Amino acid sequence: LNRFKETRREHPLTTQAGSLSAAIAMERERMQ
């Protein structure tokens, strides 16, 4: 979360997940 906020880049799954936190959780599950 901190790194994305510092760089102001968008997470690749933000649009699909709806929020940065949800995008991180979704990616973690997909990458398992």
Full PDB file with SEQRES, HELIX, SHEET, SSBOND, CRYST1, ORIGX, SCALE, CONECT and MASTER records, all heavy atoms in Angstrom:
SEQRES   1 A   32  LEU ASN ARG PHE LYS GLU THR ARG ARG GLU HIS PRO LEU          
SEQRES   2 A   32  THR THR GLN ALA GLY SER LEU SER ALA ALA ILE ALA MET          
SEQRES   3 A   32  GLU ARG GLU ARG MET GLN                                      
HELIX    1 AA1 ASN A    2  THR A    7  1                                   6    
HELIX    2 AA2 THR A   14  ALA A   17  1                                   4    
HELIX    3 AA3 LEU A   20  MET A   31  1                                  12    
CRYST1    1.000    1.000    1.000  90.00  90.00  90.00 P 1           1          
ORIGX1      1.000000  0.000000  0.000000        0.00000                         
ORIGX2      0.000000  1.000000  0.000000        0.00000                         
ORIGX3      0.000000  0.000000  1.000000        0.00000                         
SCALE1      1.000000  0.000000  0.000000        0.00000                         
SCALE2      0.000000  1.000000  0.000000        0.00000                         
SCALE3      0.000000  0.000000  1.000000        0.00000                         
ATOM      1  N   LEU A   1       0.843  -1.212   0.000  1.00  0.00           N  
ATOM      2  CA  LEU A   1       0.000   0.000   0.000  1.00  0.00           C  
ATOM      3  C   LEU A   1       0.868   1.249   0.000  1.00  0.00           C  
ATOM      4  O   LEU A   1       0.625   2.190  -0.774  1.00  0.00           O  
ATOM      5  CB  LEU A   1      -0.931  -0.005   1.219  1.00  0.00           C  
ATOM      6  CG  LEU A   1      -2.152  -0.918   1.162  1.00  0.00           C  
ATOM      7  CD1 LEU A   1      -2.777  -1.047   2.553  1.00  0.00           C  
ATOM      8  CD2 LEU A   1      -3.179  -0.382   0.175  1.00  0.00           C  
ATOM      9  N   ASN A   2       1.874   1.266   0.862  1.00  0.00           N  
ATOM     10  CA  ASN A   2       2.735   2.449   0.967  1.00  0.00           C  
ATOM     11  C   ASN A   2       3.498   2.703  -0.335  1.00  0.00           C  
ATOM     12  O   ASN A   2       3.647   3.852  -0.772  1.00  0.00           O  
ATOM     13  CB  ASN A   2       3.730   2.272   2.112  1.00  0.00           C  
ATOM     14  CG  ASN A   2       3.066   2.293   3.472  1.00  0.00           C  
ATOM     15  OD1 ASN A   2       1.932   2.788   3.608  1.00  0.00           O  
ATOM     16  ND2 ASN A   2       3.739   1.767   4.485  1.00  0.00           N  
ATOM     17  N   ARG A   3       3.973   1.637  -0.972  1.00  0.00           N  
ATOM     18  CA  ARG A   3       4.751   1.809  -2.204  1.00  0.00           C  
ATOM     19  C   ARG A   3       3.891   2.351  -3.334  1.00  0.00           C  
ATOM     20  O   ARG A   3       4.329   3.205  -4.106  1.00  0.00           O  
ATOM     21  CB  ARG A   3       5.389   0.473  -2.598  1.00  0.00           C  
ATOM     22  CG  ARG A   3       6.543   0.077  -1.683  1.00  0.00           C  
ATOM     23  CD  ARG A   3       7.085  -1.311  -2.002  1.00  0.00           C  
ATOM     24  NE  ARG A   3       8.172  -1.670  -1.094  1.00  0.00           N  
ATOM     25  CZ  ARG A   3       8.723  -2.875  -1.025  1.00  0.00           C  
ATOM     26  NH1 ARG A   3       8.291  -3.847  -1.833  1.00  0.00           N  
ATOM     27  NH2 ARG A   3       9.692  -3.121  -0.168  1.00  0.00           N  
ATOM     28  N   PHE A   4       2.668   1.865  -3.450  1.00  0.00           N  
ATOM     29  CA  PHE A   4       1.796   2.383  -4.504  1.00  0.00           C  
ATOM     30  C   PHE A   4       1.413   3.834  -4.239  1.00  0.00           C  
ATOM     31  O   PHE A   4       1.294   4.640  -5.172  1.00  0.00           O  
ATOM     32  CB  PHE A   4       0.545   1.508  -4.638  1.00  0.00           C  
ATOM     33  CG  PHE A   4       0.747   0.315  -5.535  1.00  0.00           C  
ATOM     34  CD1 PHE A   4       0.952  -0.948  -5.000  1.00  0.00           C  
ATOM     35  CD2 PHE A   4       0.768   0.459  -6.916  1.00  0.00           C  
ATOM     36  CE1 PHE A   4       1.164  -2.043  -5.822  1.00  0.00           C  
ATOM     37  CE2 PHE A   4       0.974  -0.628  -7.755  1.00  0.00           C  
ATOM     38  CZ  PHE A   4       1.171  -1.886  -7.194  1.00  0.00           C  
ATOM     39  N   LYS A   5       1.235   4.188  -2.974  1.00  0.00           N  
ATOM     40  CA  LYS A   5       0.898   5.577  -2.645  1.00  0.00           C  
ATOM     41  C   LYS A   5       2.079   6.503  -2.903  1.00  0.00           C  
ATOM     42  O   LYS A   5       1.924   7.631  -3.373  1.00  0.00           O  
ATOM     43  CB  LYS A   5       0.455   5.662  -1.185  1.00  0.00           C  
ATOM     44  CG  LYS A   5      -0.910   5.034  -0.925  1.00  0.00           C  
ATOM     45  CD  LYS A   5      -1.298   5.101   0.548  1.00  0.00           C  
ATOM     46  CE  LYS A   5      -2.659   4.473   0.792  1.00  0.00           C  
ATOM     47  NZ  LYS A   5      -3.036   4.488   2.231  1.00  0.00           N  
ATOM     48  N   GLU A   6       3.296   6.009  -2.596  1.00  0.00           N  
ATOM     49  CA  GLU A   6       4.495   6.836  -2.802  1.00  0.00           C  
ATOM     50  C   GLU A   6       4.760   7.068  -4.283  1.00  0.00           C  
ATOM     51  O   GLU A   6       5.136   8.170  -4.694  1.00  0.00           O  
ATOM     52  CB  GLU A   6       5.702   6.151  -2.154  1.00  0.00           C  
ATOM     53  CG  GLU A   6       5.670   6.169  -0.629  1.00  0.00           C  
ATOM     54  CD  GLU A   6       6.751   5.294  -0.028  1.00  0.00           C  
ATOM     55  OE1 GLU A   6       7.535   4.696  -0.809  1.00  0.00           O  
ATOM     56  OE2 GLU A   6       6.803   5.200   1.200  1.00  0.00           O  
ATOM     57  N   THR A   7       4.600   6.039  -5.092  1.00  0.00           N  
ATOM     58  CA  THR A   7       4.886   6.158  -6.523  1.00  0.00           C  
ATOM     59  C   THR A   7       3.704   6.700  -7.323  1.00  0.00           C  
ATOM     60  O   THR A   7       3.867   7.096  -8.475  1.00  0.00           O  
ATOM     61  CB  THR A   7       5.271   4.784  -7.111  1.00  0.00           C  
ATOM     62  OG1 THR A   7       4.180   3.871  -6.938  1.00  0.00           O  
ATOM     63  CG2 THR A   7       6.511   4.225  -6.404  1.00  0.00           C  
ATOM     64  N   ARG A   8       2.526   6.684  -6.689  1.00  0.00           N  
ATOM     65  CA  ARG A   8       1.286   7.150  -7.343  1.00  0.00           C  
ATOM     66  C   ARG A   8       0.961   6.347  -8.599  1.00  0.00           C  
ATOM     67  O   ARG A   8       0.326   6.854  -9.526  1.00  0.00           O  
ATOM     68  CB  ARG A   8       1.372   8.649  -7.673  1.00  0.00           C  
ATOM     69  CG  ARG A   8       1.543   9.526  -6.442  1.00  0.00           C  
ATOM     70  CD  ARG A   8       1.567  10.998  -6.789  1.00  0.00           C  
ATOM     71  NE  ARG A   8       1.733  11.820  -5.599  1.00  0.00           N  
ATOM     72  CZ  ARG A   8       1.788  13.141  -5.587  1.00  0.00           C  
ATOM     73  NH1 ARG A   8       1.713  13.814  -6.739  1.00  0.00           N  
ATOM     74  NH2 ARG A   8       1.938  13.806  -4.465  1.00  0.00           N  
ATOM     75  N   ARG A   9       1.405   5.124  -8.620  1.00  0.00           N  
ATOM     76  CA  ARG A   9       1.067   4.229  -9.725  1.00  0.00           C  
ATOM     77  C   ARG A   9      -0.185   3.442  -9.369  1.00  0.00           C  
ATOM     78  O   ARG A   9      -0.487   3.213  -8.200  1.00  0.00           O  
ATOM     79  CB  ARG A   9       2.222   3.269 -10.011  1.00  0.00           C  
ATOM     80  CG  ARG A   9       3.495   3.958 -10.469  1.00  0.00           C  
ATOM     81  CD  ARG A   9       4.560   2.942 -10.808  1.00  0.00           C  
ATOM     82  NE  ARG A   9       4.161   2.096 -11.913  1.00  0.00           N  
ATOM     83  CZ  ARG A   9       4.839   1.019 -12.304  1.00  0.00           C  
ATOM     84  NH1 ARG A   9       5.920   0.652 -11.650  1.00  0.00           N  
ATOM     85  NH2 ARG A   9       4.410   0.301 -13.328  1.00  0.00           N  
ATOM     86  N   GLU A  10      -0.894   3.004 -10.396  1.00  0.00           N  
ATOM     87  CA  GLU A  10      -2.116   2.248 -10.169  1.00  0.00           C  
ATOM     88  C   GLU A  10      -1.824   0.758 -10.228  1.00  0.00           C  
ATOM     89  O   GLU A  10      -1.099   0.281 -11.105  1.00  0.00           O  
ATOM     90  CB  GLU A  10      -3.167   2.612 -11.224  1.00  0.00           C  
ATOM     91  CG  GLU A  10      -4.517   1.957 -10.972  1.00  0.00           C  
ATOM     92  CD  GLU A  10      -5.589   2.474 -11.916  1.00  0.00           C  
ATOM     93  OE1 GLU A  10      -5.817   3.694 -11.934  1.00  0.00           O  
ATOM     94  OE2 GLU A  10      -6.175   1.647 -12.652  1.00  0.00           O  
ATOM     95  N   HIS A  11      -2.390   0.028  -9.302  1.00  0.00           N  
ATOM     96  CA  HIS A  11      -2.240  -1.423  -9.290  1.00  0.00           C  
ATOM     97  C   HIS A  11      -2.934  -2.007 -10.519  1.00  0.00           C  
ATOM     98  O   HIS A  11      -4.011  -1.541 -10.907  1.00  0.00           O  
ATOM     99  CB  HIS A  11      -2.851  -1.997  -8.010  1.00  0.00           C  
ATOM    100  CG  HIS A  11      -2.531  -3.429  -7.765  1.00  0.00           C  
ATOM    101  ND1 HIS A  11      -3.111  -4.477  -8.474  1.00  0.00           N  
ATOM    102  CD2 HIS A  11      -1.686  -4.012  -6.866  1.00  0.00           C  
ATOM    103  CE1 HIS A  11      -2.632  -5.613  -8.033  1.00  0.00           C  
ATOM    104  NE2 HIS A  11      -1.766  -5.370  -7.064  1.00  0.00           N  
ATOM    105  N   PRO A  12      -2.355  -3.021 -11.166  1.00  0.00           N  
ATOM    106  CA  PRO A  12      -2.957  -3.577 -12.385  1.00  0.00           C  
ATOM    107  C   PRO A  12      -4.389  -4.086 -12.206  1.00  0.00           C  
ATOM    108  O   PRO A  12      -5.134  -4.173 -13.185  1.00  0.00           O  
ATOM    109  CB  PRO A  12      -2.016  -4.738 -12.740  1.00  0.00           C  
ATOM    110  CG  PRO A  12      -0.720  -4.386 -12.104  1.00  0.00           C  
ATOM    111  CD  PRO A  12      -1.052  -3.650 -10.855  1.00  0.00           C  
ATOM    112  N   LEU A  13      -4.774  -4.415 -10.976  1.00  0.00           N  
ATOM    113  CA  LEU A  13      -6.106  -4.972 -10.743  1.00  0.00           C  
ATOM    114  C   LEU A  13      -7.058  -4.004 -10.052  1.00  0.00           C  
ATOM    115  O   LEU A  13      -8.158  -4.388  -9.665  1.00  0.00           O  
ATOM    116  CB  LEU A  13      -5.994  -6.261  -9.899  1.00  0.00           C  
ATOM    117  CG  LEU A  13      -5.177  -7.402 -10.488  1.00  0.00           C  
ATOM    118  CD1 LEU A  13      -5.151  -8.594  -9.536  1.00  0.00           C  
ATOM    119  CD2 LEU A  13      -5.729  -7.807 -11.843  1.00  0.00           C  
ATOM    120  N   THR A  14      -6.652  -2.741  -9.899  1.00  0.00           N  
ATOM    121  CA  THR A  14      -7.487  -1.786  -9.178  1.00  0.00           C  
ATOM    122  C   THR A  14      -8.850  -1.612  -9.835  1.00  0.00           C  
ATOM    123  O   THR A  14      -9.889  -1.598  -9.155  1.00  0.00           O  
ATOM    124  CB  THR A  14      -6.786  -0.419  -9.076  1.00  0.00           C  
ATOM    125  OG1 THR A  14      -5.560  -0.559  -8.361  1.00  0.00           O  
ATOM    126  CG2 THR A  14      -7.662   0.591  -8.362  1.00  0.00           C  
ATOM    127  N   THR A  15      -8.886  -1.456 -11.141  1.00  0.00           N  
ATOM    128  CA  THR A  15     -10.165  -1.253 -11.844  1.00  0.00           C  
ATOM    129  C   THR A  15     -11.090  -2.446 -11.622  1.00  0.00           C  
ATOM    130  O   THR A  15     -12.290  -2.277 -11.368  1.00  0.00           O  
ATOM    131  CB  THR A  15      -9.925  -1.060 -13.350  1.00  0.00           C  
ATOM    132  OG1 THR A  15      -9.061   0.058 -13.545  1.00  0.00           O  
ATOM    133  CG2 THR A  15     -11.246  -0.825 -14.068  1.00  0.00           C  
ATOM    134  N   GLN A  16     -10.537  -3.618 -11.683  1.00  0.00           N  
ATOM    135  CA  GLN A  16     -11.342  -4.825 -11.511  1.00  0.00           C  
ATOM    136  C   GLN A  16     -11.765  -5.030 -10.061  1.00  0.00           C  
ATOM    137  O   GLN A  16     -12.903  -5.436  -9.785  1.00  0.00           O  
ATOM    138  CB  GLN A  16     -10.542  -6.040 -11.983  1.00  0.00           C  
ATOM    139  CG  GLN A  16     -11.308  -7.356 -11.941  1.00  0.00           C  
ATOM    140  CD  GLN A  16     -10.476  -8.506 -12.470  1.00  0.00           C  
ATOM    141  OE1 GLN A  16      -9.394  -8.299 -12.997  1.00  0.00           O  
ATOM    142  NE2 GLN A  16     -11.005  -9.715 -12.346  1.00  0.00           N  
ATOM    143  N   ALA A  17     -10.862  -4.722  -9.122  1.00  0.00           N  
ATOM    144  CA  ALA A  17     -11.145  -4.993  -7.709  1.00  0.00           C  
ATOM    145  C   ALA A  17     -11.907  -3.868  -7.041  1.00  0.00           C  
ATOM    146  O   ALA A  17     -12.630  -4.102  -6.074  1.00  0.00           O  
ATOM    147  CB  ALA A  17      -9.830  -5.242  -6.965  1.00  0.00           C  
ATOM    148  N   GLY A  18     -11.739  -2.646  -7.525  1.00  0.00           N  
ATOM    149  CA  GLY A  18     -12.475  -1.518  -6.976  1.00  0.00           C  
ATOM    150  C   GLY A  18     -11.693  -0.657  -6.014  1.00  0.00           C  
ATOM    151  O   GLY A  18     -12.048   0.506  -5.790  1.00  0.00           O  
ATOM    152  N   SER A  19     -10.627  -1.188  -5.406  1.00  0.00           N  
ATOM    153  CA  SER A  19      -9.792  -0.404  -4.494  1.00  0.00           C  
ATOM    154  C   SER A  19      -8.405  -1.009  -4.463  1.00  0.00           C  
ATOM    155  O   SER A  19      -8.199  -2.182  -4.859  1.00  0.00           O  
ATOM    156  CB  SER A  19     -10.369  -0.383  -3.076  1.00  0.00           C  
ATOM    157  OG  SER A  19     -10.271  -1.659  -2.469  1.00  0.00           O  
ATOM    158  N   LEU A  20      -7.454  -0.245  -3.962  1.00  0.00           N  
ATOM    159  CA  LEU A  20      -6.073  -0.738  -3.911  1.00  0.00           C  
ATOM    160  C   LEU A  20      -5.959  -1.933  -2.967  1.00  0.00           C  
ATOM    161  O   LEU A  20      -5.321  -2.936  -3.295  1.00  0.00           O  
ATOM    162  CB  LEU A  20      -5.132   0.388  -3.478  1.00  0.00           C  
ATOM    163  CG  LEU A  20      -3.646   0.021  -3.325  1.00  0.00           C  
ATOM    164  CD1 LEU A  20      -3.099  -0.590  -4.603  1.00  0.00           C  
ATOM    165  CD2 LEU A  20      -2.837   1.252  -2.915  1.00  0.00           C  
ATOM    166  N   SER A  21      -6.578  -1.833  -1.793  1.00  0.00           N  
ATOM    167  CA  SER A  21      -6.510  -2.938  -0.828  1.00  0.00           C  
ATOM    168  C   SER A  21      -7.115  -4.208  -1.406  1.00  0.00           C  
ATOM    169  O   SER A  21      -6.554  -5.305  -1.262  1.00  0.00           O  
ATOM    170  CB  SER A  21      -7.242  -2.547   0.464  1.00  0.00           C  
ATOM    171  OG  SER A  21      -6.616  -1.464   1.096  1.00  0.00           O  
ATOM    172  N   ALA A  22      -8.244  -4.062  -2.072  1.00  0.00           N  
ATOM    173  CA  ALA A  22      -8.897  -5.229  -2.671  1.00  0.00           C  
ATOM    174  C   ALA A  22      -8.055  -5.795  -3.811  1.00  0.00           C  
ATOM    175  O   ALA A  22      -7.999  -7.018  -4.011  1.00  0.00           O  
ATOM    176  CB  ALA A  22     -10.283  -4.851  -3.171  1.00  0.00           C  
ATOM    177  N   ALA A  23      -7.385  -4.917  -4.560  1.00  0.00           N  
ATOM    178  CA  ALA A  23      -6.541  -5.368  -5.669  1.00  0.00           C  
ATOM    179  C   ALA A  23      -5.360  -6.188  -5.159  1.00  0.00           C  
ATOM    180  O   ALA A  23      -5.001  -7.222  -5.738  1.00  0.00           O  
ATOM    181  CB  ALA A  23      -6.050  -4.169  -6.470  1.00  0.00           C  
ATOM    182  N   ILE A  24      -4.758  -5.742  -4.062  1.00  0.00           N  
ATOM    183  CA  ILE A  24      -3.630  -6.473  -3.481  1.00  0.00           C  
ATOM    184  C   ILE A  24      -4.086  -7.853  -3.005  1.00  0.00           C  
ATOM    185  O   ILE A  24      -3.413  -8.863  -3.226  1.00  0.00           O  
ATOM    186  CB  ILE A  24      -3.006  -5.660  -2.320  1.00  0.00           C  
ATOM    187  CG1 ILE A  24      -2.317  -4.413  -2.882  1.00  0.00           C  
ATOM    188  CG2 ILE A  24      -2.022  -6.518  -1.535  1.00  0.00           C  
ATOM    189  CD1 ILE A  24      -1.831  -3.453  -1.817  1.00  0.00           C  
ATOM    190  N   ALA A  25      -5.249  -7.894  -2.346  1.00  0.00           N  
ATOM    191  CA  ALA A  25      -5.782  -9.170  -1.860  1.00  0.00           C  
ATOM    192  C   ALA A  25      -6.116 -10.107  -3.018  1.00  0.00           C  
ATOM    193  O   ALA A  25      -5.827 -11.315  -2.965  1.00  0.00           O  
ATOM    194  CB  ALA A  25      -7.023  -8.918  -1.010  1.00  0.00           C  
ATOM    195  N   MET A  26      -6.692  -9.564  -4.095  1.00  0.00           N  
ATOM    196  CA  MET A  26      -7.041 -10.373  -5.254  1.00  0.00           C  
ATOM    197  C   MET A  26      -5.789 -10.933  -5.915  1.00  0.00           C  
ATOM    198  O   MET A  26      -5.739 -12.113  -6.291  1.00  0.00           O  
ATOM    199  CB  MET A  26      -7.834  -9.534  -6.267  1.00  0.00           C  
ATOM    200  CG  MET A  26      -8.228 -10.290  -7.530  1.00  0.00           C  
ATOM    201  SD  MET A  26      -9.078  -9.219  -8.736  1.00  0.00           S  
ATOM    202  CE  MET A  26     -10.610  -8.911  -7.869  1.00  0.00           C  
ATOM    203  N   GLU A  27      -4.763 -10.097  -6.061  1.00  0.00           N  
ATOM    204  CA  GLU A  27      -3.532 -10.562  -6.693  1.00  0.00           C  
ATOM    205  C   GLU A  27      -2.850 -11.628  -5.843  1.00  0.00           C  
ATOM    206  O   GLU A  27      -2.351 -12.635  -6.369  1.00  0.00           O  
ATOM    207  CB  GLU A  27      -2.565  -9.391  -6.916  1.00  0.00           C  
ATOM    208  CG  GLU A  27      -1.278  -9.812  -7.609  1.00  0.00           C  
ATOM    209  CD  GLU A  27      -0.319  -8.668  -7.835  1.00  0.00           C  
ATOM    210  OE1 GLU A  27      -0.298  -7.732  -7.006  1.00  0.00           O  
ATOM    211  OE2 GLU A  27       0.399  -8.704  -8.843  1.00  0.00           O  
ATOM    212  N   ARG A  28      -2.833 -11.430  -4.540  1.00  0.00           N  
ATOM    213  CA  ARG A  28      -2.198 -12.407  -3.655  1.00  0.00           C  
ATOM    214  C   ARG A  28      -2.844 -13.789  -3.831  1.00  0.00           C  
ATOM    215  O   ARG A  28      -2.165 -14.813  -3.866  1.00  0.00           O  
ATOM    216  CB  ARG A  28      -2.288 -11.934  -2.204  1.00  0.00           C  
ATOM    217  CG  ARG A  28      -1.324 -12.639  -1.269  1.00  0.00           C  
ATOM    218  CD  ARG A  28      -1.464 -12.127   0.151  1.00  0.00           C  
ATOM    219  NE  ARG A  28      -1.020 -10.760   0.299  1.00  0.00           N  
ATOM    220  CZ  ARG A  28       0.253 -10.392   0.469  1.00  0.00           C  
ATOM    221  NH1 ARG A  28       1.203 -11.310   0.477  1.00  0.00           N  
ATOM    222  NH2 ARG A  28       0.573  -9.121   0.617  1.00  0.00           N  
ATOM    223  N   GLU A  29      -4.176 -13.799  -3.947  1.00  0.00           N  
ATOM    224  CA  GLU A  29      -4.890 -15.058  -4.130  1.00  0.00           C  
ATOM    225  C   GLU A  29      -4.570 -15.682  -5.487  1.00  0.00           C  
ATOM    226  O   GLU A  29      -4.345 -16.891  -5.593  1.00  0.00           O  
ATOM    227  CB  GLU A  29      -6.397 -14.824  -3.995  1.00  0.00           C  
ATOM    228  CG  GLU A  29      -7.232 -16.084  -4.142  1.00  0.00           C  
ATOM    229  CD  GLU A  29      -8.717 -15.830  -3.986  1.00  0.00           C  
ATOM    230  OE1 GLU A  29      -9.099 -14.668  -3.677  1.00  0.00           O  
ATOM    231  OE2 GLU A  29      -9.496 -16.782  -4.172  1.00  0.00           O  
ATOM    232  N   ARG A  30      -4.559 -14.851  -6.536  1.00  0.00           N  
ATOM    233  CA  ARG A  30      -4.303 -15.375  -7.876  1.00  0.00           C  
ATOM    234  C   ARG A  30      -2.881 -15.909  -8.026  1.00  0.00           C  
ATOM    235  O   ARG A  30      -2.641 -16.843  -8.793  1.00  0.00           O  
ATOM    236  CB  ARG A  30      -4.541 -14.285  -8.917  1.00  0.00           C  
ATOM    237  CG  ARG A  30      -6.003 -13.928  -9.130  1.00  0.00           C  
ATOM    238  CD  ARG A  30      -6.138 -12.977 -10.301  1.00  0.00           C  
ATOM    239  NE  ARG A  30      -7.534 -12.621 -10.538  1.00  0.00           N  
ATOM    240  CZ  ARG A  30      -7.940 -11.802 -11.508  1.00  0.00           C  
ATOM    241  NH1 ARG A  30      -7.045 -11.279 -12.353  1.00  0.00           N  
ATOM    242  NH2 ARG A  30      -9.209 -11.522 -11.659  1.00  0.00           N  
ATOM    243  N   MET A  31      -1.945 -15.325  -7.320  1.00  0.00           N  
ATOM    244  CA  MET A  31      -0.538 -15.699  -7.483  1.00  0.00           C  
ATOM    245  C   MET A  31      -0.131 -16.873  -6.601  1.00  0.00           C  
ATOM    246  O   MET A  31       0.994 -17.361  -6.713  1.00  0.00           O  
ATOM    247  CB  MET A  31       0.361 -14.493  -7.172  1.00  0.00           C  
ATOM    248  CG  MET A  31       0.148 -13.289  -8.085  1.00  0.00           C  
ATOM    249  SD  MET A  31       0.488 -13.662  -9.816  1.00  0.00           S  
ATOM    250  CE  MET A  31       2.250 -13.852  -9.785  1.00  0.00           C  
ATOM    251  N   GLN A  32      -1.010 -17.321  -5.734  1.00  0.00           N  
ATOM    252  CA  GLN A  32      -0.660 -18.378  -4.786  1.00  0.00           C  
ATOM    253  C   GLN A  32      -0.141 -19.650  -5.461  1.00  0.00           C  
ATOM    254  O   GLN A  32       0.842 -20.251  -4.983  1.00  0.00           O  
ATOM    255  CB  GLN A  32      -1.854 -18.702  -3.890  1.00  0.00           C  
ATOM    256  CG  GLN A  32      -1.547 -19.676  -2.764  1.00  0.00           C  
ATOM    257  CD  GLN A  32      -0.483 -19.162  -1.814  1.00  0.00           C  
ATOM    258  OE1 GLN A  32      -0.293 -17.968  -1.653  1.00  0.00           O  
ATOM    259  NE2 GLN A  32       0.239 -20.090  -1.187  1.00  0.00           N  
TER     260      GLN A  32                                                      
MASTER        0    0    0    3    0    0    0    6  259    1    0    3          
END                                                                             
